Amino acid sequence: MAPTPDVRPVGDLPDAIGKTAARELSANGLTSLRLVAARSRRELLTIHGVGPKAVAILGDALAAEGLTFRED
């Protein structure tokens, strides 16, 4: 199995989300916290490679910037 390429950093997304989540968010056009804030937690969890841990880390990063996820 080939190693997952590390595309970090991706915009202002936290590195702590992991390289798979960063790569998949980027591949889906989500390259900034403002773009992530336009999505709901549920939508993000449908993206392959983005799990509950990454969503929690993104939630903390959004809160630090005064942003929140979109409501379902």
PDB file of N, CA and C in Angstrom:
ATOM      1  N   MET A   1       0.843  -1.178   0.000  1.00  0.00           N
ATOM      2  CA  MET A   1       0.000   0.000   0.000  1.00  0.00           C
ATOM      3  C   MET A   1       0.891   1.246   0.000  1.00  0.00           C
ATOM      4  N   ALA A   2       0.602   2.177  -0.866  1.00  0.00           N
ATOM      5  CA  ALA A   2       1.388   3.414  -0.980  1.00  0.00           C
ATOM      6  C   ALA A   2       1.093   4.326   0.203  1.00  0.00           C
ATOM      7  N   PRO A   3       2.107   5.033   0.686  1.00  0.00           N
ATOM      8  CA  PRO A   3       1.873   5.962   1.789  1.00  0.00           C
ATOM      9  C   PRO A   3       0.996   7.128   1.336  1.00  0.00           C
ATOM     10  N   THR A   4       0.232   7.670   2.281  1.00  0.00           N
ATOM     11  CA  THR A   4      -0.632   8.812   1.994  1.00  0.00           C
ATOM     12  C   THR A   4       0.220  10.069   1.846  1.00  0.00           C
ATOM     13  N   PRO A   5       0.108  10.765   0.703  1.00  0.00           N
ATOM     14  CA  PRO A   5       0.891  11.996   0.549  1.00  0.00           C
ATOM     15  C   PRO A   5       0.464  13.045   1.567  1.00  0.00           C
ATOM     16  N   ASP A   6       1.421  13.758   2.086  1.00  0.00           N
ATOM     17  CA  ASP A   6       1.149  14.790   3.082  1.00  0.00           C
ATOM     18  C   ASP A   6       1.065  16.138   2.373  1.00  0.00           C
ATOM     19  N   VAL A   7      -0.147  16.674   2.241  1.00  0.00           N
ATOM     20  CA  VAL A   7      -0.361  17.938   1.540  1.00  0.00           C
ATOM     21  C   VAL A   7      -0.401  19.125   2.493  1.00  0.00           C
ATOM     22  N   ARG A   8      -0.191  18.871   3.770  1.00  0.00           N
ATOM     23  CA  ARG A   8      -0.249  19.962   4.744  1.00  0.00           C
ATOM     24  C   ARG A   8       0.933  20.892   4.572  1.00  0.00           C
ATOM     25  N   PRO A   9       0.763  22.172   4.855  1.00  0.00           N
ATOM     26  CA  PRO A   9      -0.459  22.798   5.322  1.00  0.00           C
ATOM     27  C   PRO A   9      -1.453  23.060   4.198  1.00  0.00           C
ATOM     28  N   VAL A  10      -2.718  23.025   4.580  1.00  0.00           N
ATOM     29  CA  VAL A  10      -3.805  23.353   3.655  1.00  0.00           C
ATOM     30  C   VAL A  10      -4.454  24.615   4.196  1.00  0.00           C
ATOM     31  N   GLY A  11      -4.203  25.715   3.515  1.00  0.00           N
ATOM     32  CA  GLY A  11      -4.774  27.001   3.945  1.00  0.00           C
ATOM     33  C   GLY A  11      -4.516  27.233   5.421  1.00  0.00           C
ATOM     34  N   ASP A  12      -5.571  27.599   6.148  1.00  0.00           N
ATOM     35  CA  ASP A  12      -5.444  27.822   7.588  1.00  0.00           C
ATOM     36  C   ASP A  12      -6.034  26.662   8.387  1.00  0.00           C
ATOM     37  N   LEU A  13      -6.208  25.488   7.750  1.00  0.00           N
ATOM     38  CA  LEU A  13      -6.709  24.320   8.467  1.00  0.00           C
ATOM     39  C   LEU A  13      -5.620  23.812   9.409  1.00  0.00           C
ATOM     40  N   PRO A  14      -6.009  23.351  10.598  1.00  0.00           N
ATOM     41  CA  PRO A  14      -5.007  22.878  11.553  1.00  0.00           C
ATOM     42  C   PRO A  14      -4.346  21.581  11.082  1.00  0.00           C
ATOM     43  N   ASP A  15      -3.032  21.496  11.229  1.00  0.00           N
ATOM     44  CA  ASP A  15      -2.295  20.290  10.864  1.00  0.00           C
ATOM     45  C   ASP A  15      -2.752  19.081  11.674  1.00  0.00           C
ATOM     46  N   ALA A  16      -3.276  19.318  12.862  1.00  0.00           N
ATOM     47  CA  ALA A  16      -3.675  18.231  13.756  1.00  0.00           C
ATOM     48  C   ALA A  16      -4.800  17.363  13.192  1.00  0.00           C
ATOM     49  N   ILE A  17      -5.473  17.805  12.127  1.00  0.00           N
ATOM     50  CA  ILE A  17      -6.550  16.979  11.559  1.00  0.00           C
ATOM     51  C   ILE A  17      -6.001  15.729  10.885  1.00  0.00           C
ATOM     52  N   GLY A  18      -4.712  15.731  10.594  1.00  0.00           N
ATOM     53  CA  GLY A  18      -4.091  14.567   9.965  1.00  0.00           C
ATOM     54  C   GLY A  18      -3.963  14.732   8.462  1.00  0.00           C
ATOM     55  N   LYS A  19      -3.020  13.969   7.902  1.00  0.00           N
ATOM     56  CA  LYS A  19      -2.733  14.160   6.480  1.00  0.00           C
ATOM     57  C   LYS A  19      -3.831  13.627   5.578  1.00  0.00           C
ATOM     58  N   THR A  20      -4.513  12.556   5.967  1.00  0.00           N
ATOM     59  CA  THR A  20      -5.594  12.031   5.119  1.00  0.00           C
ATOM     60  C   THR A  20      -6.761  13.007   5.078  1.00  0.00           C
ATOM     61  N   ALA A  21      -7.172  13.501   6.249  1.00  0.00           N
ATOM     62  CA  ALA A  21      -8.281  14.458   6.300  1.00  0.00           C
ATOM     63  C   ALA A  21      -7.921  15.733   5.545  1.00  0.00           C
ATOM     64  N   ALA A  22      -6.698  16.219   5.726  1.00  0.00           N
ATOM     65  CA  ALA A  22      -6.273  17.431   5.017  1.00  0.00           C
ATOM     66  C   ALA A  22      -6.334  17.227   3.513  1.00  0.00           C
ATOM     67  N   ARG A  23      -5.827  16.097   3.041  1.00  0.00           N
ATOM     68  CA  ARG A  23      -5.832  15.808   1.601  1.00  0.00           C
ATOM     69  C   ARG A  23      -7.258  15.739   1.067  1.00  0.00           C
ATOM     70  N   GLU A  24      -8.136  15.048   1.772  1.00  0.00           N
ATOM     71  CA  GLU A  24      -9.509  14.881   1.288  1.00  0.00           C
ATOM     72  C   GLU A  24     -10.302  16.177   1.358  1.00  0.00           C
ATOM     73  N   LEU A  25     -10.107  16.969   2.386  1.00  0.00           N
ATOM     74  CA  LEU A  25     -10.780  18.274   2.449  1.00  0.00           C
ATOM     75  C   LEU A  25     -10.324  19.148   1.283  1.00  0.00           C
ATOM     76  N   SER A  26      -9.025  19.160   1.041  1.00  0.00           N
ATOM     77  CA  SER A  26      -8.483  19.938  -0.078  1.00  0.00           C
ATOM     78  C   SER A  26      -9.058  19.455  -1.403  1.00  0.00           C
ATOM     79  N   ALA A  27      -9.138  18.139  -1.579  1.00  0.00           N
ATOM     80  CA  ALA A  27      -9.676  17.570  -2.818  1.00  0.00           C
ATOM     81  C   ALA A  27     -11.143  17.945  -3.016  1.00  0.00           C
ATOM     82  N   ASN A  28     -11.836  18.259  -1.916  1.00  0.00           N
ATOM     83  CA  ASN A  28     -13.237  18.671  -1.979  1.00  0.00           C
ATOM     84  C   ASN A  28     -13.397  20.188  -1.957  1.00  0.00           C
ATOM     85  N   GLY A  29     -12.285  20.909  -2.170  1.00  0.00           N
ATOM     86  CA  GLY A  29     -12.348  22.361  -2.254  1.00  0.00           C
ATOM     87  C   GLY A  29     -12.420  23.084  -0.930  1.00  0.00           C
ATOM     88  N   LEU A  30     -12.214  22.369   0.160  1.00  0.00           N
ATOM     89  CA  LEU A  30     -12.298  22.974   1.493  1.00  0.00           C
ATOM     90  C   LEU A  30     -10.888  23.277   1.980  1.00  0.00           C
ATOM     91  N   THR A  31     -10.413  24.459   1.637  1.00  0.00           N
ATOM     92  CA  THR A  31      -9.028  24.822   1.912  1.00  0.00           C
ATOM     93  C   THR A  31      -8.879  25.944   2.930  1.00  0.00           C
ATOM     94  N   SER A  32      -9.964  26.285   3.605  1.00  0.00           N
ATOM     95  CA  SER A  32      -9.888  27.313   4.646  1.00  0.00           C
ATOM     96  C   SER A  32     -10.971  27.051   5.686  1.00  0.00           C
ATOM     97  N   LEU A  33     -10.785  27.632   6.862  1.00  0.00           N
ATOM     98  CA  LEU A  33     -11.788  27.469   7.915  1.00  0.00           C
ATOM     99  C   LEU A  33     -13.118  28.092   7.502  1.00  0.00           C
ATOM    100  N   ARG A  34     -13.077  29.184   6.764  1.00  0.00           N
ATOM    101  CA  ARG A  34     -14.333  29.820   6.317  1.00  0.00           C
ATOM    102  C   ARG A  34     -15.114  28.877   5.395  1.00  0.00           C
ATOM    103  N   LEU A  35     -14.412  28.163   4.542  1.00  0.00           N
ATOM    104  CA  LEU A  35     -15.089  27.196   3.662  1.00  0.00           C
ATOM    105  C   LEU A  35     -15.622  26.011   4.457  1.00  0.00           C
ATOM    106  N   VAL A  36     -14.862  25.564   5.448  1.00  0.00           N
ATOM    107  CA  VAL A  36     -15.321  24.473   6.315  1.00  0.00           C
ATOM    108  C   VAL A  36     -16.568  24.906   7.087  1.00  0.00           C
ATOM    109  N   ALA A  37     -16.601  26.163   7.535  1.00  0.00           N
ATOM    110  CA  ALA A  37     -17.736  26.673   8.306  1.00  0.00           C
ATOM    111  C   ALA A  37     -19.028  26.670   7.497  1.00  0.00           C
ATOM    112  N   ALA A  38     -18.910  26.649   6.184  1.00  0.00           N
ATOM    113  CA  ALA A  38     -20.103  26.630   5.328  1.00  0.00           C
ATOM    114  C   ALA A  38     -20.716  25.230   5.242  1.00  0.00           C
ATOM    115  N   ARG A  39     -20.070  24.245   5.842  1.00  0.00           N
ATOM    116  CA  ARG A  39     -20.555  22.864   5.832  1.00  0.00           C
ATOM    117  C   ARG A  39     -20.997  22.456   7.231  1.00  0.00           C
ATOM    118  N   SER A  40     -21.869  21.480   7.303  1.00  0.00           N
ATOM    119  CA  SER A  40     -22.292  20.948   8.601  1.00  0.00           C
ATOM    120  C   SER A  40     -21.355  19.811   9.008  1.00  0.00           C
ATOM    121  N   ARG A  41     -21.379  19.473  10.278  1.00  0.00           N
ATOM    122  CA  ARG A  41     -20.591  18.328  10.751  1.00  0.00           C
ATOM    123  C   ARG A  41     -20.960  17.081   9.956  1.00  0.00           C
ATOM    124  N   ARG A  42     -22.248  16.882   9.749  1.00  0.00           N
ATOM    125  CA  ARG A  42     -22.731  15.695   9.029  1.00  0.00           C
ATOM    126  C   ARG A  42     -22.155  15.639   7.614  1.00  0.00           C
ATOM    127  N   GLU A  43     -22.139  16.771   6.926  1.00  0.00           N
ATOM    128  CA  GLU A  43     -21.573  16.816   5.571  1.00  0.00           C
ATOM    129  C   GLU A  43     -20.090  16.463   5.576  1.00  0.00           C
ATOM    130  N   LEU A  44     -19.359  17.005   6.531  1.00  0.00           N
ATOM    131  CA  LEU A  44     -17.928  16.724   6.596  1.00  0.00           C
ATOM    132  C   LEU A  44     -17.669  15.244   6.851  1.00  0.00           C
ATOM    133  N   LEU A  45     -18.482  14.626   7.677  1.00  0.00           N
ATOM    134  CA  LEU A  45     -18.290  13.210   7.999  1.00  0.00           C
ATOM    135  C   LEU A  45     -18.577  12.299   6.812  1.00  0.00           C
ATOM    136  N   THR A  46     -19.234  12.808   5.774  1.00  0.00           N
ATOM    137  CA  THR A  46     -19.473  11.994   4.585  1.00  0.00           C
ATOM    138  C   THR A  46     -18.256  11.964   3.657  1.00  0.00           C
ATOM    139  N   ILE A  47     -17.278  12.824   3.927  1.00  0.00           N
ATOM    140  CA  ILE A  47     -16.068  12.866   3.113  1.00  0.00           C
ATOM    141  C   ILE A  47     -15.131  11.765   3.584  1.00  0.00           C
ATOM    142  N   HIS A  48     -14.750  10.900   2.669  1.00  0.00           N
ATOM    143  CA  HIS A  48     -13.832   9.815   2.992  1.00  0.00           C
ATOM    144  C   HIS A  48     -12.567  10.376   3.633  1.00  0.00           C
ATOM    145  N   GLY A  49     -12.159   9.795   4.748  1.00  0.00           N
ATOM    146  CA  GLY A  49     -10.938  10.233   5.424  1.00  0.00           C
ATOM    147  C   GLY A  49     -11.151  11.311   6.466  1.00  0.00           C
ATOM    148  N   VAL A  50     -12.366  11.824   6.575  1.00  0.00           N
ATOM    149  CA  VAL A  50     -12.671  12.844   7.580  1.00  0.00           C
ATOM    150  C   VAL A  50     -13.571  12.193   8.624  1.00  0.00           C
ATOM    151  N   GLY A  51     -13.010  11.970   9.800  1.00  0.00           N
ATOM    152  CA  GLY A  51     -13.745  11.289  10.856  1.00  0.00           C
ATOM    153  C   GLY A  51     -14.081  12.212  12.008  1.00  0.00           C
ATOM    154  N   PRO A  52     -14.665  11.640  13.055  1.00  0.00           N
ATOM    155  CA  PRO A  52     -15.068  12.439  14.222  1.00  0.00           C
ATOM    156  C   PRO A  52     -13.924  13.221  14.863  1.00  0.00           C
ATOM    157  N   LYS A  53     -12.736  12.634  14.914  1.00  0.00           N
ATOM    158  CA  LYS A  53     -11.600  13.341  15.521  1.00  0.00           C
ATOM    159  C   LYS A  53     -11.254  14.589  14.719  1.00  0.00           C
ATOM    160  N   ALA A  54     -11.175  14.465  13.393  1.00  0.00           N
ATOM    161  CA  ALA A  54     -10.865  15.622  12.549  1.00  0.00           C
ATOM    162  C   ALA A  54     -11.945  16.688  12.671  1.00  0.00           C
ATOM    163  N   VAL A  55     -13.201  16.267  12.722  1.00  0.00           N
ATOM    164  CA  VAL A  55     -14.305  17.232  12.844  1.00  0.00           C
ATOM    165  C   VAL A  55     -14.232  17.961  14.191  1.00  0.00           C
ATOM    166  N   ALA A  56     -13.877  17.247  15.255  1.00  0.00           N
ATOM    167  CA  ALA A  56     -13.738  17.888  16.567  1.00  0.00           C
ATOM    168  C   ALA A  56     -12.602  18.906  16.547  1.00  0.00           C
ATOM    169  N   ILE A  57     -11.483  18.557  15.932  1.00  0.00           N
ATOM    170  CA  ILE A  57     -10.343  19.482  15.829  1.00  0.00           C
ATOM    171  C   ILE A  57     -10.737  20.702  15.004  1.00  0.00           C
ATOM    172  N   LEU A  58     -11.451  20.479  13.911  1.00  0.00           N
ATOM    173  CA  LEU A  58     -11.920  21.597  13.084  1.00  0.00           C
ATOM    174  C   LEU A  58     -12.890  22.476  13.873  1.00  0.00           C
ATOM    175  N   GLY A  59     -13.759  21.858  14.679  1.00  0.00           N
ATOM    176  CA  GLY A  59     -14.699  22.622  15.505  1.00  0.00           C
ATOM    177  C   GLY A  59     -13.974  23.539  16.473  1.00  0.00           C
ATOM    178  N   ASP A  60     -12.914  23.025  17.101  1.00  0.00           N
ATOM    179  CA  ASP A  60     -12.119  23.853  18.010  1.00  0.00           C
ATOM    180  C   ASP A  60     -11.452  25.006  17.262  1.00  0.00           C
ATOM    181  N   ALA A  61     -10.917  24.723  16.074  1.00  0.00           N
ATOM    182  CA  ALA A  61     -10.267  25.764  15.275  1.00  0.00           C
ATOM    183  C   ALA A  61     -11.280  26.820  14.829  1.00  0.00           C
ATOM    184  N   LEU A  62     -12.468  26.373  14.450  1.00  0.00           N
ATOM    185  CA  LEU A  62     -13.514  27.328  14.066  1.00  0.00           C
ATOM    186  C   LEU A  62     -13.881  28.225  15.245  1.00  0.00           C
ATOM    187  N   ALA A  63     -14.075  27.615  16.414  1.00  0.00           N
ATOM    188  CA  ALA A  63     -14.452  28.383  17.608  1.00  0.00           C
ATOM    189  C   ALA A  63     -13.393  29.427  17.942  1.00  0.00           C
ATOM    190  N   ALA A  64     -12.124  29.068  17.778  1.00  0.00           N
ATOM    191  CA  ALA A  64     -11.032  30.015  18.067  1.00  0.00           C
ATOM    192  C   ALA A  64     -11.081  31.231  17.138  1.00  0.00           C
ATOM    193  N   GLU A  65     -11.684  31.052  15.961  1.00  0.00           N
ATOM    194  CA  GLU A  65     -11.812  32.153  14.994  1.00  0.00           C
ATOM    195  C   GLU A  65     -13.193  32.813  15.039  1.00  0.00           C
ATOM    196  N   GLY A  66     -14.037  32.383  15.997  1.00  0.00           N
ATOM    197  CA  GLY A  66     -15.381  32.938  16.108  1.00  0.00           C
ATOM    198  C   GLY A  66     -16.337  32.412  15.064  1.00  0.00           C
ATOM    199  N   LEU A  67     -16.037  31.233  14.520  1.00  0.00           N
ATOM    200  CA  LEU A  67     -16.869  30.601  13.489  1.00  0.00           C
ATOM    201  C   LEU A  67     -17.509  29.334  14.038  1.00  0.00           C
ATOM    202  N   THR A  68     -18.532  28.853  13.350  1.00  0.00           N
ATOM    203  CA  THR A  68     -19.170  27.590  13.706  1.00  0.00           C
ATOM    204  C   THR A  68     -19.514  26.829  12.426  1.00  0.00           C
ATOM    205  N   PHE A  69     -19.781  25.539  12.593  1.00  0.00           N
ATOM    206  CA  PHE A  69     -20.261  24.758  11.465  1.00  0.00           C
ATOM    207  C   PHE A  69     -21.658  25.220  11.090  1.00  0.00           C
ATOM    208  N   ARG A  70     -22.036  24.996   9.827  1.00  0.00           N
ATOM    209  CA  ARG A  70     -23.401  25.255   9.415  1.00  0.00           C
ATOM    210  C   ARG A  70     -24.308  24.244  10.114  1.00  0.00           C
ATOM    211  N   GLU A  71     -25.484  24.655  10.464  1.00  0.00           N
ATOM    212  CA  GLU A  71     -26.456  23.753  11.077  1.00  0.00           C
ATOM    213  C   GLU A  71     -27.027  22.817  10.026  1.00  0.00           C
ATOM    214  N   ASP A  72     -27.345  21.599  10.430  1.00  0.00           N
ATOM    215  CA  ASP A  72     -27.939  20.616   9.499  1.00  0.00           C
ATOM    216  C   ASP A  72     -29.275  21.076   8.991  1.00  0.00           C
TER     217      ASP A  72
END
